[in-house]
C-alpha atoms as a PDB file:
ATOM      1  CA  MET A   1     130.434-110.070 303.421  1.00  0.00           C
ATOM      2  CA  SER A   2     127.032-111.394 304.503  1.00  0.00           C
ATOM      3  CA  ARG A   3     124.199-108.890 304.946  1.00  0.00           C
ATOM      4  CA  VAL A   4     122.362-111.155 307.452  1.00  0.00           C
ATOM      5  CA  PRO A   5     123.703-109.376 310.551  1.00  0.00           C
ATOM      6  CA  HIS A   6     122.269-106.116 309.236  1.00  0.00           C
ATOM      7  CA  VAL A   7     118.833-107.685 308.798  1.00  0.00           C
ATOM      8  CA  LEU A   8     118.898-109.323 312.221  1.00  0.00           C
ATOM      9  CA  ALA A   9     119.856-106.065 313.825  1.00  0.00           C
ATOM     10  CA  ALA A  10     116.934-104.349 312.126  1.00  0.00           C
ATOM     11  CA  LEU A  11     114.468-106.911 313.468  1.00  0.00           C
ATOM     12  CA  ALA A  12     115.340-106.112 317.075  1.00  0.00           C
ATOM     13  CA  LEU A  13     113.577-103.246 318.861  1.00  0.00           C
ATOM     14  CA  PRO A  14     115.627-100.057 318.800  1.00  0.00           C
ATOM     15  CA  VAL A  15     117.710 -99.616 321.917  1.00  0.00           C
ATOM     16  CA  LEU A  16     116.918 -96.553 323.997  1.00  0.00           C
ATOM     17  CA  ALA A  17     119.931 -94.670 325.219  1.00  0.00           C
ATOM     18  CA  ALA A  18     120.668 -91.123 326.327  1.00  0.00           C
ATOM     19  CA  GLY A  19     120.414 -88.709 323.427  1.00  0.00           C
ATOM     20  CA  TRP A  20     118.953 -91.319 321.041  1.00  0.00           C
ATOM     21  CA  THR A  21     115.635 -90.874 319.212  1.00  0.00           C
ATOM     22  CA  PRO A  22     113.699 -94.183 319.106  1.00  0.00           C
ATOM     23  CA  MET A  23     112.879 -95.623 315.680  1.00  0.00           C
ATOM     24  CA  SER A  24     110.108 -97.952 314.640  1.00  0.00           C
ATOM     25  CA  ARG A  25     110.952-101.496 313.630  1.00  0.00           C
ATOM     26  CA  ARG A  26     109.935-100.729 310.019  1.00  0.00           C
ATOM     27  CA  ALA A  27     112.168 -97.665 309.841  1.00  0.00           C
ATOM     28  CA  ALA A  28     115.096 -99.566 311.318  1.00  0.00           C
ATOM     29  CA  LEU A  29     114.604-102.422 308.871  1.00  0.00           C
ATOM     30  CA  GLY A  30     114.480-100.024 305.937  1.00  0.00           C
ATOM     31  CA  ALA A  31     117.606 -98.257 307.072  1.00  0.00           C
ATOM     32  CA  ALA A  32     119.440-101.564 307.474  1.00  0.00           C
ATOM     33  CA  PHE A  33     118.496-102.807 304.027  1.00  0.00           C
ATOM     34  CA  SER A  34     119.404 -99.460 302.454  1.00  0.00           C
ATOM     35  CA  ALA A  35     122.800 -99.485 304.101  1.00  0.00           C
ATOM     36  CA  GLY A  36     123.418-103.133 303.321  1.00  0.00           C
ATOM     37  CA  LEU A  37     122.417-102.876 299.680  1.00  0.00           C
ATOM     38  CA  GLY A  38     124.185 -99.592 299.133  1.00  0.00           C
ATOM     39  CA  LEU A  39     120.936 -97.776 298.229  1.00  0.00           C
ATOM     40  CA  GLN A  40     120.662 -94.001 298.472  1.00  0.00           C
ATOM     41  CA  GLY A  41     117.299 -92.305 298.639  1.00  0.00           C
ATOM     42  CA  VAL A  42     115.394 -89.585 300.453  1.00  0.00           C
ATOM     43  CA  THR A  43     116.762 -89.032 303.942  1.00  0.00           C
ATOM     44  CA  PRO A  44     114.005 -89.608 306.516  1.00  0.00           C
ATOM     45  CA  ALA A  45     113.593 -87.093 309.305  1.00  0.00           C
ATOM     46  CA  LEU A  46     113.589 -88.685 312.744  1.00  0.00           C
ATOM     47  CA  GLY A  47     110.292 -88.379 314.554  1.00  0.00           C
ATOM     48  CA  ALA A  48     108.379 -89.852 317.466  1.00  0.00           C
ATOM     49  CA  TYR A  49     108.279 -93.583 317.862  1.00  0.00           C
ATOM     50  CA  GLY A  50     105.780 -95.101 315.439  1.00  0.00           C
ATOM     51  CA  ALA A  51     105.726 -92.012 313.176  1.00  0.00           C
ATOM     52  CA  ALA A  52     106.356 -92.494 309.475  1.00  0.00           C
ATOM     53  CA  PRO A  53     109.601 -91.062 308.087  1.00  0.00           C
ATOM     54  CA  ARG A  54     109.130 -87.586 306.657  1.00  0.00           C
ATOM     55  CA  MET A  55     110.755 -86.187 303.559  1.00  0.00           C
ATOM     56  CA  GLN A  56     113.220 -83.413 304.218  1.00  0.00           C
ATOM     57  CA  ILE A  57     112.106 -79.986 302.978  1.00  0.00           C
ATOM     58  CA  GLN A  58     114.984 -79.761 300.512  1.00  0.00           C
ATOM     59  CA  ASP A  59     113.751 -82.990 298.906  1.00  0.00           C
ATOM     60  CA  ALA A  60     110.127 -81.870 298.676  1.00  0.00           C
ATOM     61  CA  GLN A  61     110.537 -78.300 297.468  1.00  0.00           C
ATOM     62  CA  ARG A  62     111.975 -76.824 294.311  1.00  0.00           C
ATOM     63  CA  THR A  63     113.159 -73.239 294.340  1.00  0.00           C
ATOM     64  CA  PRO A  64     112.179 -71.325 291.161  1.00  0.00           C
ATOM     65  CA  GLU A  65     115.010 -69.927 289.124  1.00  0.00           C
ATOM     66  CA  ALA A  66     115.290 -66.128 289.026  1.00  0.00           C
ATOM     67  CA  GLY A  67     114.638 -66.103 285.296  1.00  0.00           C
ATOM     68  CA  GLU A  68     111.409 -68.043 285.730  1.00  0.00           C
ATOM     69  CA  THR A  69     110.014 -65.472 288.169  1.00  0.00           C
ATOM     70  CA  ALA A  70     111.004 -62.542 285.969  1.00  0.00           C
ATOM     71  CA  GLY A  71     109.607 -64.210 282.864  1.00  0.00           C
ATOM     72  CA  LYS A  72     106.259 -64.841 284.525  1.00  0.00           C
ATOM     73  CA  ALA A  73     106.055 -61.214 285.670  1.00  0.00           C
ATOM     74  CA  VAL A  74     106.647 -59.974 282.108  1.00  0.00           C
ATOM     75  CA  PHE A  75     104.087 -62.416 280.721  1.00  0.00           C
ATOM     76  CA  ASP A  76     101.490 -61.336 283.299  1.00  0.00           C
ATOM     77  CA  ALA A  77     102.067 -57.645 282.520  1.00  0.00           C
ATOM     78  CA  GLU A  78     101.681 -58.224 278.776  1.00  0.00           C
ATOM     79  CA  ALA A  79      98.551 -60.336 279.257  1.00  0.00           C
ATOM     80  CA  ARG A  80      97.028 -57.637 281.463  1.00  0.00           C
ATOM     81  CA  ALA A  81      97.891 -54.989 278.862  1.00  0.00           C
ATOM     82  CA  VAL A  82      96.073 -56.946 276.137  1.00  0.00           C
ATOM     83  CA  GLU A  83      93.020 -57.442 278.345  1.00  0.00           C
ATOM     84  CA  LEU A  84      93.050 -53.791 279.401  1.00  0.00           C
ATOM     85  CA  GLN A  85      93.483 -52.662 275.809  1.00  0.00           C
ATOM     86  CA  ARG A  86      90.306 -54.472 274.784  1.00  0.00           C
ATOM     87  CA  LYS A  87      88.438 -52.927 277.682  1.00  0.00           C
ATOM     88  CA  VAL A  88      89.508 -49.317 277.127  1.00  0.00           C
ATOM     89  CA  CYS A  89      89.069 -49.539 273.355  1.00  0.00           C
ATOM     90  CA  GLY A  90      85.532 -50.833 273.730  1.00  0.00           C
ATOM     91  CA  GLU A  91      84.729 -48.108 276.247  1.00  0.00           C
ATOM     92  CA  TYR A  92      86.244 -45.307 274.153  1.00  0.00           C
ATOM     93  CA  GLU A  93      84.306 -46.365 271.081  1.00  0.00           C
ATOM     94  CA  ARG A  94      81.086 -46.382 273.114  1.00  0.00           C
ATOM     95  CA  ILE A  95      81.845 -42.887 274.437  1.00  0.00           C
ATOM     96  CA  SER A  96      82.690 -41.538 270.983  1.00  0.00           C
ATOM     97  CA  SER A  97      79.544 -42.987 269.436  1.00  0.00           C
ATOM     98  CA  THR A  98      77.305 -41.607 272.203  1.00  0.00           C
ATOM     99  CA  VAL A  99      78.818 -38.116 272.188  1.00  0.00           C
ATOM    100  CA  ASN A 100      78.896 -37.761 268.403  1.00  0.00           C
ATOM    101  CA  ALA A 101      75.249 -38.836 268.204  1.00  0.00           C
ATOM    102  CA  ALA A 102      74.326 -36.274 270.872  1.00  0.00           C
ATOM    103  CA  LEU A 103      76.185 -33.531 269.013  1.00  0.00           C
ATOM    104  CA  GLU A 104      74.299 -34.380 265.835  1.00  0.00           C
ATOM    105  CA  LYS A 105      70.979 -33.964 267.654  1.00  0.00           C
ATOM    106  CA  GLY A 106      72.195 -30.756 269.281  1.00  0.00           C
ATOM    107  CA  LYS A 107      69.350 -30.434 271.800  1.00  0.00           C
ATOM    108  CA  ALA A 108      70.029 -29.107 275.290  1.00  0.00           C
ATOM    109  CA  LYS A 109      69.324 -32.454 276.973  1.00  0.00           C
ATOM    110  CA  ASP A 110      71.547 -34.316 274.517  1.00  0.00           C
ATOM    111  CA  LEU A 111      74.383 -31.880 275.122  1.00  0.00           C
ATOM    112  CA  ARG A 112      74.071 -32.297 278.897  1.00  0.00           C
ATOM    113  CA  ASP A 113      74.167 -36.074 278.478  1.00  0.00           C
ATOM    114  CA  ALA A 114      77.243 -35.788 276.250  1.00  0.00           C
ATOM    115  CA  GLN A 115      79.027 -33.710 278.879  1.00  0.00           C
ATOM    116  CA  SER A 116      78.203 -36.271 281.571  1.00  0.00           C
ATOM    117  CA  VAL A 117      79.560 -39.110 279.442  1.00  0.00           C
ATOM    118  CA  LEU A 118      82.784 -37.234 278.746  1.00  0.00           C
ATOM    119  CA  ALA A 119      83.278 -36.251 282.378  1.00  0.00           C
ATOM    120  CA  LEU A 120      82.556 -39.635 283.937  1.00  0.00           C
ATOM    121  CA  SER A 121      83.389 -42.315 281.394  1.00  0.00           C
ATOM    122  CA  MET A 122      86.589 -40.760 280.032  1.00  0.00           C
ATOM    123  CA  GLY A 123      87.813 -40.277 283.567  1.00  0.00           C
ATOM    124  CA  ASN A 124      87.356 -44.000 284.149  1.00  0.00           C
ATOM    125  CA  ILE A 125      89.513 -45.121 281.205  1.00  0.00           C
ATOM    126  CA  LYS A 126      92.318 -42.546 281.339  1.00  0.00           C
ATOM    127  CA  GLY A 127      94.337 -44.628 283.754  1.00  0.00           C
ATOM    128  CA  GLY A 128      93.791 -47.762 281.682  1.00  0.00           C
ATOM    129  CA  MET A 129      94.966 -46.149 278.456  1.00  0.00           C
ATOM    130  CA  ARG A 130      98.063 -44.801 280.167  1.00  0.00           C
ATOM    131  CA  GLU A 131      98.836 -48.205 281.672  1.00  0.00           C
ATOM    132  CA  VAL A 132      98.574 -49.869 278.255  1.00  0.00           C
ATOM    133  CA  ALA A 133     100.867 -47.209 276.772  1.00  0.00           C
ATOM    134  CA  LYS A 134     103.421 -47.647 279.552  1.00  0.00           C
ATOM    135  CA  THR A 135     103.508 -51.434 279.144  1.00  0.00           C
ATOM    136  CA  LEU A 136     103.937 -51.154 275.373  1.00  0.00           C
ATOM    137  CA  SER A 137     106.733 -48.631 275.980  1.00  0.00           C
ATOM    138  CA  GLY A 138     108.645 -51.156 278.055  1.00  0.00           C
ATOM    139  CA  GLY A 139     107.939 -49.205 281.227  1.00  0.00           C
ATOM    140  CA  ASP A 140     109.529 -45.962 279.974  1.00  0.00           C
ATOM    141  CA  ILE A 141     107.232 -43.591 278.061  1.00  0.00           C
ATOM    142  CA  LEU A 142     109.870 -40.885 277.471  1.00  0.00           C
ATOM    143  CA  VAL A 143     111.895 -40.381 274.308  1.00  0.00           C
ATOM    144  CA  ARG A 144     115.588 -40.434 275.219  1.00  0.00           C
ATOM    145  CA  ASP A 145     118.759 -39.280 273.514  1.00  0.00           C
ATOM    146  CA  ASN A 146     121.822 -41.171 274.797  1.00  0.00           C
ATOM    147  CA  GLY A 147     119.849 -42.085 277.885  1.00  0.00           C
ATOM    148  CA  ILE A 148     118.729 -38.510 278.601  1.00  0.00           C
ATOM    149  CA  ALA A 149     115.009 -37.726 278.405  1.00  0.00           C
ATOM    150  CA  LYS A 150     114.228 -35.136 275.731  1.00  0.00           C
ATOM    151  CA  PHE A 151     112.684 -31.982 277.135  1.00  0.00           C
ATOM    152  CA  ASP A 152     110.831 -29.293 275.212  1.00  0.00           C
ATOM    153  CA  TYR A 153     111.931 -26.079 276.882  1.00  0.00           C
ATOM    154  CA  THR A 154     109.457 -24.037 274.848  1.00  0.00           C
ATOM    155  CA  GLY A 155     106.432 -26.008 275.944  1.00  0.00           C
ATOM    156  CA  GLY A 156     107.918 -27.051 279.266  1.00  0.00           C
ATOM    157  CA  THR A 157     107.167 -30.742 278.731  1.00  0.00           C
ATOM    158  CA  PHE A 158     109.028 -33.986 278.160  1.00  0.00           C
ATOM    159  CA  THR A 159     108.724 -35.716 274.791  1.00  0.00           C
ATOM    160  CA  TYR A 160     106.653 -38.899 274.978  1.00  0.00           C
ATOM    161  CA  LYS A 161     106.906 -41.943 272.767  1.00  0.00           C
ATOM    162  CA  GLU A 162     104.107 -42.011 270.186  1.00  0.00           C
ATOM    163  CA  VAL A 163     102.165 -44.809 271.895  1.00  0.00           C
ATOM    164  CA  ALA A 164     102.094 -42.677 275.061  1.00  0.00           C
ATOM    165  CA  GLN A 165     101.595 -39.283 273.378  1.00  0.00           C
ATOM    166  CA  LEU A 166      98.492 -40.239 271.392  1.00  0.00           C
ATOM    167  CA  PRO A 167      96.358 -40.951 274.485  1.00  0.00           C
ATOM    168  CA  GLU A 168      97.362 -37.524 275.818  1.00  0.00           C
ATOM    169  CA  ASP A 169      96.224 -35.996 272.512  1.00  0.00           C
ATOM    170  CA  ILE A 170      92.906 -37.806 272.908  1.00  0.00           C
ATOM    171  CA  PHE A 171      92.457 -36.482 276.441  1.00  0.00           C
ATOM    172  CA  ALA A 172      93.268 -32.909 275.391  1.00  0.00           C
ATOM    173  CA  ALA A 173      90.740 -33.000 272.537  1.00  0.00           C
ATOM    174  CA  ILE A 174      88.078 -34.559 274.769  1.00  0.00           C
ATOM    175  CA  ASN A 175      88.630 -31.866 277.390  1.00  0.00           C
ATOM    176  CA  ALA A 176      88.276 -29.161 274.738  1.00  0.00           C
ATOM    177  CA  ALA A 177      85.082 -30.797 273.431  1.00  0.00           C
ATOM    178  CA  TYR A 178      83.662 -30.836 276.958  1.00  0.00           C
ATOM    179  CA  LEU A 179      84.293 -27.109 277.355  1.00  0.00           C
ATOM    180  CA  ASP A 180      82.839 -26.337 273.916  1.00  0.00           C
ATOM    181  CA  ILE A 181      79.672 -28.267 274.745  1.00  0.00           C
ATOM    182  CA  GLY A 182      79.367 -26.231 277.943  1.00  0.00           C
ATOM    183  CA  ARG A 183      79.566 -23.077 275.819  1.00  0.00           C
ATOM    184  CA  LYS A 184      76.940 -24.587 273.480  1.00  0.00           C
ATOM    185  CA  ASN A 185      79.424 -24.351 270.630  1.00  0.00           C
ATOM    186  CA  VAL A 186      78.398 -27.591 268.935  1.00  0.00           C
ATOM    187  CA  GLU A 187      80.519 -27.172 265.803  1.00  0.00           C
ATOM    188  CA  ALA A 188      83.684 -26.579 267.808  1.00  0.00           C
ATOM    189  CA  ALA A 189      82.863 -29.633 269.930  1.00  0.00           C
ATOM    190  CA  LYS A 190      82.440 -31.733 266.767  1.00  0.00           C
ATOM    191  CA  THR A 191      85.859 -30.578 265.559  1.00  0.00           C
ATOM    192  CA  GLN A 192      87.477 -31.592 268.840  1.00  0.00           C
ATOM    193  CA  MET A 193      85.752 -34.986 268.818  1.00  0.00           C
ATOM    194  CA  ALA A 194      87.070 -35.542 265.290  1.00  0.00           C
ATOM    195  CA  LYS A 195      90.591 -34.801 266.579  1.00  0.00           C
ATOM    196  CA  ALA A 196      90.124 -37.251 269.433  1.00  0.00           C
ATOM    197  CA  ASP A 197      88.828 -39.963 267.098  1.00  0.00           C
ATOM    198  CA  SER A 198      91.733 -39.403 264.698  1.00  0.00           C
ATOM    199  CA  ALA A 199      94.293 -39.739 267.510  1.00  0.00           C
ATOM    200  CA  TYR A 200      92.506 -42.864 268.712  1.00  0.00           C
ATOM    201  CA  ALA A 201      92.635 -44.426 265.224  1.00  0.00           C
ATOM    202  CA  SER A 202      96.386 -43.747 265.083  1.00  0.00           C
ATOM    203  CA  TRP A 203      96.840 -45.254 268.553  1.00  0.00           C
ATOM    204  CA  LEU A 204      95.003 -48.418 267.509  1.00  0.00           C
ATOM    205  CA  LYS A 205      97.580 -49.018 264.781  1.00  0.00           C
ATOM    206  CA  LEU A 206     100.311 -49.187 267.422  1.00  0.00           C
ATOM    207  CA  LEU A 207      98.574 -51.798 269.552  1.00  0.00           C
ATOM    208  CA  PRO A 208      99.746 -55.409 269.097  1.00  0.00           C
ATOM    209  CA  GLU A 209      96.283 -56.909 269.280  1.00  0.00           C
ATOM    210  CA  ARG A 210      93.102 -55.450 267.827  1.00  0.00           C
ATOM    211  CA  ARG A 211      89.662 -55.926 269.290  1.00  0.00           C
END
């Protein structure tokens, strides 16, 4: 069957009738050729006369798969944990070096400075260390037995996974060192700082990426 009638029809101006949306001559010609040649492409959205055909939204947009979104979220959390780990490790090592040096000097001013560093700087990185530990624990920091969190009824506390427990050990030793410095008990403060540094060294071994 000849395709000429289709082409001739496309060359005529679109006929206006009730309920019809007018089409441009170019759009009509394209539609005629597509129909005549059996071509299938993007469906144009009808618009005002003279307006170019627009791609339908389903043709222009791609909906992400559920797995892609979840995978990106996991990747972002792990990347943040690595970045945060570097930050908190660098800050802890600065704090430890400053406080231990002050304890070696043992003068009143040095001890006051050491207390200030412990009070302010450690407070700033506590949250970061706990966030790193939680991410490395897969979001659950508790030790579980058949899905039930282990609870120490003697101490009245839950049992944490090692990567989450070690930061708590660091914080406890730092708090004790702070109090010992306030009592001007330098030797006791040194002992507590050694405990904190030991717990920190053990924690470092559990981190996937070193500074």
